[in-house]
């Protein structure tokens, strides 16, 4: 499945650039690379299909020692602005459902890590301007903000893809060392979600916090999609959403993050 996806993707890049088969060169090497890794791409497909659900009530032994971490579920990625995406908007229902389920179980720690950029943020050299602090785009989506327990939310504002650089994340984690179950949701799988989940996992590793586990429900994260043709028209790099989403789920699992199908 995914070897075909990658081969097709590579061909489209070269076709979009007007490169013929005889001129492919590296493109032909890409075909060879894909063929030599068929087993891995089949594994990736099986990995995703075999993800198992996570039973919140059975798995969470102490709700007081659990927390939900949300990456960038804000207006600027869901409904308006340069980086708003329909794929991300579709995350809203399962994430809201998870918040409600967690709160009903007794979980009361909800950490919302959200872009609130300076107007001249260096990040805007790589990405279009988005989610500037003080604007509507930087606000929590209303579906979360309007929950009856939203006063329990801890909002951590960031000026980069990373959740803990020049933010209040690490001080908050220091005050909550008893945490055992850290559940991560949001967007994008390969960007802010990846940095958030990996920071939580690597921090626990670095400090020998063996009691902590990071849990990531695949149905509550996603990334944007930008085809080769669209990217060429915009003079930016392409971003095949389905493949990148899958590969980064795998990469987080490789690093010890508990990637699950969904939380029930």
Foldseek 3Di string as FASTA:
>chain_A
DVLVVQLVQLVVLCVLVVADPVRSVVNVVSNVVSVVCVVVVVVLVVVLVPFAAAACLVPDPDLQQEEEEEEAQACFCDPDHDNHAVVQVVLLVQVLVVVVVSVVSPRLHYEYEWEAADQPQPCCVQPPDANHHPDRRGHHPCSQCVPPSNVSYHYWYDHALARPDVICVVVVCVVNLSHQEYEYAYDALQTNSLNVQVVVLVVCVVVVSVSHAYEYALSRHWYHFAGSVNCVVVVHDGDHTVVVSSVSLVVSVVSRHHYHNYYD
